[in-house]
Amino acid sequence: MRFEGVLLLAVAVAACGGDDGAAREQLAGAAVGIVAGGCSLVDTVGSGVVVEREGQIATVAHTIRGADEIAVVDADGRNHAATVVAFDADSDLAVLDAPTLRVAPLPIGDVELGEGSVLVWDRDAGTSAKQVDVVKRLRISIEDIYVENTVERTGLEVEGSIEIGDSGAAVVSEAGEVIGIVYANSRERDGVGFATDSAELRDVLSRRSLTEVPNGRCR
């Protein structure tokens, strides 16, 4: 993850909520790994989440850009071939279709500030859920994934253990709804990450194709 340059628009009041580790771990079942090959000798990896229907995965566009082979890895470590059905270089979001993936999807919800979770995948540790605080709604001015144009989008600021490699991880509210997709951690502030919000995700999902679509170039 390497994007920053965030313009804050508004700050809302944070809500309170209890820590329910068991519930977070249950949510982690909807998290998947993304392994994209074809742009270099080393695969690009990231996280994703199953949303709204079986086999439909939301992730970041910069992980799968230009890839000619994409696999989705479930919580049990099984690989599932995936195709790209939506790709947006401006919002840094993509939607994949993995027909053999049998994982219960999470709904998409409206943004709620306060306690939540980030659902991540790691090649060694598998899927897990990390507690975070969603602290701000953002209006973001940022370069697209090819660093060619400046674009505007809405998003979230998240406090917690957001690390390099968490791109594509879902930000989930206490209600168990996906409210954002992580695209970066802060270069300047430890424990701070940024996510594109559910409004942007809904927009990309509304443009989902029934067939495979181009996923850009590698660089």
C-alpha atoms as a PDB file:
ATOM      1  CA  MET A   1       0.000   0.000   0.000  1.00  0.00           C
ATOM      2  CA  ARG A   2       1.538   3.255  -1.026  1.00  0.00           C
ATOM      3  CA  PHE A   3      -1.112   5.901  -1.452  1.00  0.00           C
ATOM      4  CA  GLU A   4      -1.529   8.941   0.762  1.00  0.00           C
ATOM      5  CA  GLY A   5      -2.633  12.534   0.358  1.00  0.00           C
ATOM      6  CA  VAL A   6      -5.878  12.679   2.209  1.00  0.00           C
ATOM      7  CA  LEU A   7      -8.054  15.782   2.537  1.00  0.00           C
ATOM      8  CA  LEU A   8     -10.304  15.665   5.582  1.00  0.00           C
ATOM      9  CA  LEU A   9     -13.820  16.951   5.056  1.00  0.00           C
ATOM     10  CA  ALA A  10     -15.651  16.298   8.295  1.00  0.00           C
ATOM     11  CA  VAL A  11     -15.280  14.670  11.677  1.00  0.00           C
ATOM     12  CA  ALA A  12     -18.244  12.989  13.320  1.00  0.00           C
ATOM     13  CA  VAL A  13     -18.730  11.880  16.893  1.00  0.00           C
ATOM     14  CA  ALA A  14     -17.387   8.398  17.667  1.00  0.00           C
ATOM     15  CA  ALA A  15     -19.814   5.869  19.041  1.00  0.00           C
ATOM     16  CA  CYS A  16     -19.166   3.500  21.901  1.00  0.00           C
ATOM     17  CA  GLY A  17     -19.284  -0.270  21.744  1.00  0.00           C
ATOM     18  CA  GLY A  18     -18.104  -3.399  23.516  1.00  0.00           C
ATOM     19  CA  ASP A  19     -15.215  -5.603  22.528  1.00  0.00           C
ATOM     20  CA  ASP A  20     -16.521  -8.932  21.233  1.00  0.00           C
ATOM     21  CA  GLY A  21     -13.533 -10.960  20.082  1.00  0.00           C
ATOM     22  CA  ALA A  22     -15.601 -14.055  19.320  1.00  0.00           C
ATOM     23  CA  ALA A  23     -17.872 -12.100  16.984  1.00  0.00           C
ATOM     24  CA  ARG A  24     -14.878 -10.622  15.156  1.00  0.00           C
ATOM     25  CA  GLU A  25     -13.369 -14.051  14.595  1.00  0.00           C
ATOM     26  CA  GLN A  26     -16.687 -15.293  13.222  1.00  0.00           C
ATOM     27  CA  LEU A  27     -16.736 -12.398  10.765  1.00  0.00           C
ATOM     28  CA  ALA A  28     -13.237 -13.362   9.619  1.00  0.00           C
ATOM     29  CA  GLY A  29     -14.768 -16.319   7.765  1.00  0.00           C
ATOM     30  CA  ALA A  30     -15.872 -13.875   5.060  1.00  0.00           C
ATOM     31  CA  ALA A  31     -12.301 -12.680   4.530  1.00  0.00           C
ATOM     32  CA  VAL A  32     -10.260 -14.155   1.688  1.00  0.00           C
ATOM     33  CA  GLY A  33      -6.782 -13.822   0.286  1.00  0.00           C
ATOM     34  CA  ILE A  34      -6.070 -12.460  -3.178  1.00  0.00           C
ATOM     35  CA  VAL A  35      -3.092 -13.799  -5.142  1.00  0.00           C
ATOM     36  CA  ALA A  36      -2.467 -12.116  -8.502  1.00  0.00           C
ATOM     37  CA  GLY A  37       0.192 -13.243 -10.975  1.00  0.00           C
ATOM     38  CA  GLY A  38       1.555 -12.132 -14.305  1.00  0.00           C
ATOM     39  CA  CYS A  39       3.088  -8.723 -13.667  1.00  0.00           C
ATOM     40  CA  SER A  40       6.362  -9.871 -12.136  1.00  0.00           C
ATOM     41  CA  LEU A  41       8.207 -12.966 -10.985  1.00  0.00           C
ATOM     42  CA  VAL A  42       6.609 -12.571  -7.554  1.00  0.00           C
ATOM     43  CA  ASP A  43       2.840 -12.735  -7.062  1.00  0.00           C
ATOM     44  CA  THR A  44       1.021  -9.708  -5.685  1.00  0.00           C
ATOM     45  CA  VAL A  45      -1.042 -10.559  -2.606  1.00  0.00           C
ATOM     46  CA  GLY A  46      -3.736  -8.782  -0.623  1.00  0.00           C
ATOM     47  CA  SER A  47      -7.028  -9.284   1.160  1.00  0.00           C
ATOM     48  CA  GLY A  48     -10.631  -9.316   0.011  1.00  0.00           C
ATOM     49  CA  VAL A  49     -14.104  -9.934   1.393  1.00  0.00           C
ATOM     50  CA  VAL A  50     -17.165 -11.818   0.161  1.00  0.00           C
ATOM     51  CA  VAL A  51     -20.050  -9.352  -0.116  1.00  0.00           C
ATOM     52  CA  GLU A  52     -23.774  -9.629  -0.875  1.00  0.00           C
ATOM     53  CA  ARG A  53     -23.647 -12.992  -2.655  1.00  0.00           C
ATOM     54  CA  GLU A  54     -21.580 -16.184  -2.702  1.00  0.00           C
ATOM     55  CA  GLY A  55     -18.527 -15.954  -4.910  1.00  0.00           C
ATOM     56  CA  GLN A  56     -18.535 -12.144  -5.153  1.00  0.00           C
ATOM     57  CA  ILE A  57     -15.390 -10.598  -3.692  1.00  0.00           C
ATOM     58  CA  ALA A  58     -14.549  -6.944  -3.146  1.00  0.00           C
ATOM     59  CA  THR A  59     -10.876  -5.930  -3.054  1.00  0.00           C
ATOM     60  CA  VAL A  60      -8.564  -3.136  -4.179  1.00  0.00           C
ATOM     61  CA  ALA A  61      -7.812  -2.546  -7.843  1.00  0.00           C
ATOM     62  CA  HIS A  62      -4.091  -1.996  -7.309  1.00  0.00           C
ATOM     63  CA  THR A  63      -3.568  -5.595  -6.121  1.00  0.00           C
ATOM     64  CA  ILE A  64      -5.015  -7.188  -9.260  1.00  0.00           C
ATOM     65  CA  ARG A  65      -4.152  -4.595 -11.932  1.00  0.00           C
ATOM     66  CA  GLY A  66      -2.743  -6.193 -15.056  1.00  0.00           C
ATOM     67  CA  ALA A  67      -2.788  -9.697 -13.588  1.00  0.00           C
ATOM     68  CA  ASP A  68      -3.465 -12.532 -15.999  1.00  0.00           C
ATOM     69  CA  GLU A  69      -4.142 -15.090 -13.263  1.00  0.00           C
ATOM     70  CA  ILE A  70      -6.042 -14.405 -10.039  1.00  0.00           C
ATOM     71  CA  ALA A  71      -6.751 -16.824  -7.211  1.00  0.00           C
ATOM     72  CA  VAL A  72      -8.946 -16.322  -4.165  1.00  0.00           C
ATOM     73  CA  VAL A  73      -7.804 -18.182  -1.040  1.00  0.00           C
ATOM     74  CA  ASP A  74     -10.472 -19.136   1.488  1.00  0.00           C
ATOM     75  CA  ALA A  75     -10.104 -19.507   5.269  1.00  0.00           C
ATOM     76  CA  ASP A  76      -9.217 -23.188   4.846  1.00  0.00           C
ATOM     77  CA  GLY A  77      -6.349 -22.377   2.460  1.00  0.00           C
ATOM     78  CA  ARG A  78      -8.087 -23.602  -0.693  1.00  0.00           C
ATOM     79  CA  ASN A  79      -7.523 -21.700  -3.952  1.00  0.00           C
ATOM     80  CA  HIS A  80     -10.389 -20.665  -6.210  1.00  0.00           C
ATOM     81  CA  ALA A  81      -9.917 -19.275  -9.712  1.00  0.00           C
ATOM     82  CA  ALA A  82     -11.384 -15.798 -10.086  1.00  0.00           C
ATOM     83  CA  THR A  83     -12.228 -13.392 -12.887  1.00  0.00           C
ATOM     84  CA  VAL A  84     -12.558  -9.608 -12.748  1.00  0.00           C
ATOM     85  CA  VAL A  85     -16.128  -8.342 -13.189  1.00  0.00           C
ATOM     86  CA  ALA A  86     -15.587  -4.718 -12.110  1.00  0.00           C
ATOM     87  CA  PHE A  87     -12.408  -2.611 -12.041  1.00  0.00           C
ATOM     88  CA  ASP A  88     -12.085   1.082 -11.162  1.00  0.00           C
ATOM     89  CA  ALA A  89      -8.630   2.665 -11.127  1.00  0.00           C
ATOM     90  CA  ASP A  90     -10.006   5.918  -9.702  1.00  0.00           C
ATOM     91  CA  SER A  91     -11.715   4.484  -6.618  1.00  0.00           C
ATOM     92  CA  ASP A  92      -9.070   1.710  -6.307  1.00  0.00           C
ATOM     93  CA  LEU A  93     -11.787  -0.926  -6.088  1.00  0.00           C
ATOM     94  CA  ALA A  94     -12.380  -4.165  -7.944  1.00  0.00           C
ATOM     95  CA  VAL A  95     -14.945  -6.949  -7.845  1.00  0.00           C
ATOM     96  CA  LEU A  96     -14.036 -10.580  -8.513  1.00  0.00           C
ATOM     97  CA  ASP A  97     -16.185 -13.597  -9.331  1.00  0.00           C
ATOM     98  CA  ALA A  98     -15.075 -16.954  -7.902  1.00  0.00           C
ATOM     99  CA  PRO A  99     -17.846 -19.462  -8.707  1.00  0.00           C
ATOM    100  CA  THR A 100     -16.427 -22.315  -6.608  1.00  0.00           C
ATOM    101  CA  LEU A 101     -16.101 -20.244  -3.432  1.00  0.00           C
ATOM    102  CA  ARG A 102     -18.729 -21.272  -0.865  1.00  0.00           C
ATOM    103  CA  VAL A 103     -18.479 -18.634   1.838  1.00  0.00           C
ATOM    104  CA  ALA A 104     -21.353 -16.774   3.469  1.00  0.00           C
ATOM    105  CA  PRO A 105     -21.286 -13.140   2.275  1.00  0.00           C
ATOM    106  CA  LEU A 106     -21.464 -10.038   4.437  1.00  0.00           C
ATOM    107  CA  PRO A 107     -23.935  -7.234   3.726  1.00  0.00           C
ATOM    108  CA  ILE A 108     -22.832  -3.713   2.870  1.00  0.00           C
ATOM    109  CA  GLY A 109     -23.932  -1.076   5.366  1.00  0.00           C
ATOM    110  CA  ASP A 110     -23.879   2.656   5.886  1.00  0.00           C
ATOM    111  CA  VAL A 111     -20.839   4.128   7.589  1.00  0.00           C
ATOM    112  CA  GLU A 112     -20.866   4.056  11.378  1.00  0.00           C
ATOM    113  CA  LEU A 113     -18.164   5.726  13.429  1.00  0.00           C
ATOM    114  CA  GLY A 114     -16.878   3.887  16.476  1.00  0.00           C
ATOM    115  CA  GLU A 115     -15.585   0.397  17.158  1.00  0.00           C
ATOM    116  CA  GLY A 116     -15.341  -2.089  14.332  1.00  0.00           C
ATOM    117  CA  SER A 117     -13.111  -4.719  12.784  1.00  0.00           C
ATOM    118  CA  VAL A 118     -10.756  -5.095   9.858  1.00  0.00           C
ATOM    119  CA  LEU A 119     -10.833  -8.540   8.213  1.00  0.00           C
ATOM    120  CA  VAL A 120      -7.413  -9.485   6.887  1.00  0.00           C
ATOM    121  CA  TRP A 121      -5.676 -12.421   5.232  1.00  0.00           C
ATOM    122  CA  ASP A 122      -2.054 -13.445   5.640  1.00  0.00           C
ATOM    123  CA  ARG A 123      -0.283 -16.187   3.686  1.00  0.00           C
ATOM    124  CA  ASP A 124       1.061 -17.726   6.887  1.00  0.00           C
ATOM    125  CA  ALA A 125      -1.652 -16.928   9.433  1.00  0.00           C
ATOM    126  CA  GLY A 126      -4.743 -17.159   7.201  1.00  0.00           C
ATOM    127  CA  THR A 127      -7.771 -14.976   7.959  1.00  0.00           C
ATOM    128  CA  SER A 128      -8.288 -12.940  11.109  1.00  0.00           C
ATOM    129  CA  ALA A 129     -10.197  -9.941  12.456  1.00  0.00           C
ATOM    130  CA  LYS A 130      -8.493  -6.989  14.134  1.00  0.00           C
ATOM    131  CA  GLN A 131     -10.281  -4.493  16.338  1.00  0.00           C
ATOM    132  CA  VAL A 132     -10.156  -0.913  15.055  1.00  0.00           C
ATOM    133  CA  ASP A 133     -11.859   2.418  15.604  1.00  0.00           C
ATOM    134  CA  VAL A 134     -13.463   4.182  12.651  1.00  0.00           C
ATOM    135  CA  VAL A 135     -12.766   7.788  13.623  1.00  0.00           C
ATOM    136  CA  LYS A 136     -13.454  10.067  10.649  1.00  0.00           C
ATOM    137  CA  ARG A 137     -15.305  10.327   7.384  1.00  0.00           C
ATOM    138  CA  LEU A 138     -13.101  11.750   4.658  1.00  0.00           C
ATOM    139  CA  ARG A 139     -13.270  13.442   1.314  1.00  0.00           C
ATOM    140  CA  ILE A 140     -10.107  12.279  -0.370  1.00  0.00           C
ATOM    141  CA  SER A 141      -8.056  13.982  -3.076  1.00  0.00           C
ATOM    142  CA  ILE A 142      -5.549  11.435  -4.337  1.00  0.00           C
ATOM    143  CA  GLU A 143      -3.823  10.105  -7.431  1.00  0.00           C
ATOM    144  CA  ASP A 144      -5.309   7.116  -9.206  1.00  0.00           C
ATOM    145  CA  ILE A 145      -3.564   3.736  -8.967  1.00  0.00           C
ATOM    146  CA  TYR A 146      -1.334   4.587 -11.937  1.00  0.00           C
ATOM    147  CA  VAL A 147      -0.340   7.986 -10.482  1.00  0.00           C
ATOM    148  CA  GLU A 148      -1.590   9.686 -13.647  1.00  0.00           C
ATOM    149  CA  ASN A 149      -4.639  11.693 -12.591  1.00  0.00           C
ATOM    150  CA  THR A 150      -5.892  13.319  -9.408  1.00  0.00           C
ATOM    151  CA  VAL A 151      -9.276  11.938  -8.392  1.00  0.00           C
ATOM    152  CA  GLU A 152     -11.818  12.651  -5.667  1.00  0.00           C
ATOM    153  CA  ARG A 153     -13.520   9.997  -3.582  1.00  0.00           C
ATOM    154  CA  THR A 154     -15.023   9.445  -0.127  1.00  0.00           C
ATOM    155  CA  GLY A 155     -13.497   7.318   2.568  1.00  0.00           C
ATOM    156  CA  LEU A 156     -12.681   6.596   6.196  1.00  0.00           C
ATOM    157  CA  GLU A 157      -9.836   7.095   8.636  1.00  0.00           C
ATOM    158  CA  VAL A 158      -9.281   4.060  10.836  1.00  0.00           C
ATOM    159  CA  GLU A 159      -7.172   3.728  13.977  1.00  0.00           C
ATOM    160  CA  GLY A 160      -5.692   0.330  14.752  1.00  0.00           C
ATOM    161  CA  SER A 161      -3.066  -2.116  13.568  1.00  0.00           C
ATOM    162  CA  ILE A 162      -3.277  -1.370   9.843  1.00  0.00           C
ATOM    163  CA  GLU A 163      -0.164  -2.735   8.174  1.00  0.00           C
ATOM    164  CA  ILE A 164       1.470  -2.955   4.769  1.00  0.00           C
ATOM    165  CA  GLY A 165      -0.213  -5.929   3.132  1.00  0.00           C
ATOM    166  CA  ASP A 166      -3.696  -5.192   4.483  1.00  0.00           C
ATOM    167  CA  SER A 167      -4.852  -3.660   1.188  1.00  0.00           C
ATOM    168  CA  GLY A 168      -8.294  -4.967   0.266  1.00  0.00           C
ATOM    169  CA  ALA A 169      -9.263  -5.800   3.852  1.00  0.00           C
ATOM    170  CA  ALA A 170     -12.861  -5.054   4.795  1.00  0.00           C
ATOM    171  CA  VAL A 171     -13.737  -2.537   7.477  1.00  0.00           C
ATOM    172  CA  VAL A 172     -16.769  -3.994   9.251  1.00  0.00           C
ATOM    173  CA  SER A 173     -19.110  -2.196  11.663  1.00  0.00           C
ATOM    174  CA  GLU A 174     -20.307  -3.641  14.964  1.00  0.00           C
ATOM    175  CA  ALA A 175     -23.492  -4.576  13.116  1.00  0.00           C
ATOM    176  CA  GLY A 176     -21.450  -6.955  10.932  1.00  0.00           C
ATOM    177  CA  GLU A 177     -21.759  -4.875   7.756  1.00  0.00           C
ATOM    178  CA  VAL A 178     -18.950  -3.923   5.368  1.00  0.00           C
ATOM    179  CA  ILE A 179     -18.505  -0.146   5.487  1.00  0.00           C
ATOM    180  CA  GLY A 180     -15.145   0.234   3.746  1.00  0.00           C
ATOM    181  CA  ILE A 181     -12.193  -1.367   1.969  1.00  0.00           C
ATOM    182  CA  VAL A 182      -8.670  -0.588   3.217  1.00  0.00           C
ATOM    183  CA  TYR A 183      -6.317   0.832   0.597  1.00  0.00           C
ATOM    184  CA  ALA A 184      -3.405   2.310   2.602  1.00  0.00           C
ATOM    185  CA  ASN A 185      -1.769   2.852   5.953  1.00  0.00           C
ATOM    186  CA  SER A 186      -0.365   6.203   6.964  1.00  0.00           C
ATOM    187  CA  ARG A 187       3.272   6.909   6.238  1.00  0.00           C
ATOM    188  CA  GLU A 188       3.350   9.606   8.895  1.00  0.00           C
ATOM    189  CA  ARG A 189       1.177   8.296  11.756  1.00  0.00           C
ATOM    190  CA  ASP A 190       1.565   4.858  13.284  1.00  0.00           C
ATOM    191  CA  GLY A 191      -1.640   2.918  13.767  1.00  0.00           C
ATOM    192  CA  VAL A 192      -3.643   4.861  11.188  1.00  0.00           C
ATOM    193  CA  GLY A 193      -5.113   3.494   7.979  1.00  0.00           C
ATOM    194  CA  PHE A 194      -7.419   4.684   5.211  1.00  0.00           C
ATOM    195  CA  ALA A 195     -10.334   2.960   3.515  1.00  0.00           C
ATOM    196  CA  THR A 196     -12.627   3.714   0.613  1.00  0.00           C
ATOM    197  CA  ASP A 197     -16.156   3.804   2.026  1.00  0.00           C
ATOM    198  CA  SER A 198     -19.297   1.801   1.329  1.00  0.00           C
ATOM    199  CA  ALA A 199     -20.749   4.480  -0.964  1.00  0.00           C
ATOM    200  CA  GLU A 200     -17.832   3.983  -3.353  1.00  0.00           C
ATOM    201  CA  LEU A 201     -18.128   0.206  -3.023  1.00  0.00           C
ATOM    202  CA  ARG A 202     -21.844   0.233  -3.813  1.00  0.00           C
ATOM    203  CA  ASP A 203     -21.141   2.339  -6.902  1.00  0.00           C
ATOM    204  CA  VAL A 204     -18.586  -0.136  -8.232  1.00  0.00           C
ATOM    205  CA  LEU A 205     -20.849  -3.098  -7.465  1.00  0.00           C
ATOM    206  CA  SER A 206     -23.674  -1.416  -9.383  1.00  0.00           C
ATOM    207  CA  ARG A 207     -21.452  -1.555 -12.455  1.00  0.00           C
ATOM    208  CA  ARG A 208     -20.577  -5.233 -12.058  1.00  0.00           C
ATOM    209  CA  SER A 209     -20.496  -7.055 -15.396  1.00  0.00           C
ATOM    210  CA  LEU A 210     -21.951 -10.495 -16.041  1.00  0.00           C
ATOM    211  CA  THR A 211     -18.769 -11.355 -17.919  1.00  0.00           C
ATOM    212  CA  GLU A 212     -15.054 -10.749 -17.397  1.00  0.00           C
ATOM    213  CA  VAL A 213     -13.808  -7.172 -17.858  1.00  0.00           C
ATOM    214  CA  PRO A 214     -10.294  -5.729 -18.433  1.00  0.00           C
ATOM    215  CA  ASN A 215      -8.262  -5.130 -15.289  1.00  0.00           C
ATOM    216  CA  GLY A 216      -5.891  -2.498 -16.589  1.00  0.00           C
ATOM    217  CA  ARG A 217      -2.170  -2.811 -17.094  1.00  0.00           C
ATOM    218  CA  CYS A 218       0.548  -3.750 -14.634  1.00  0.00           C
ATOM    219  CA  ARG A 219       2.050  -0.260 -14.331  1.00  0.00           C
END
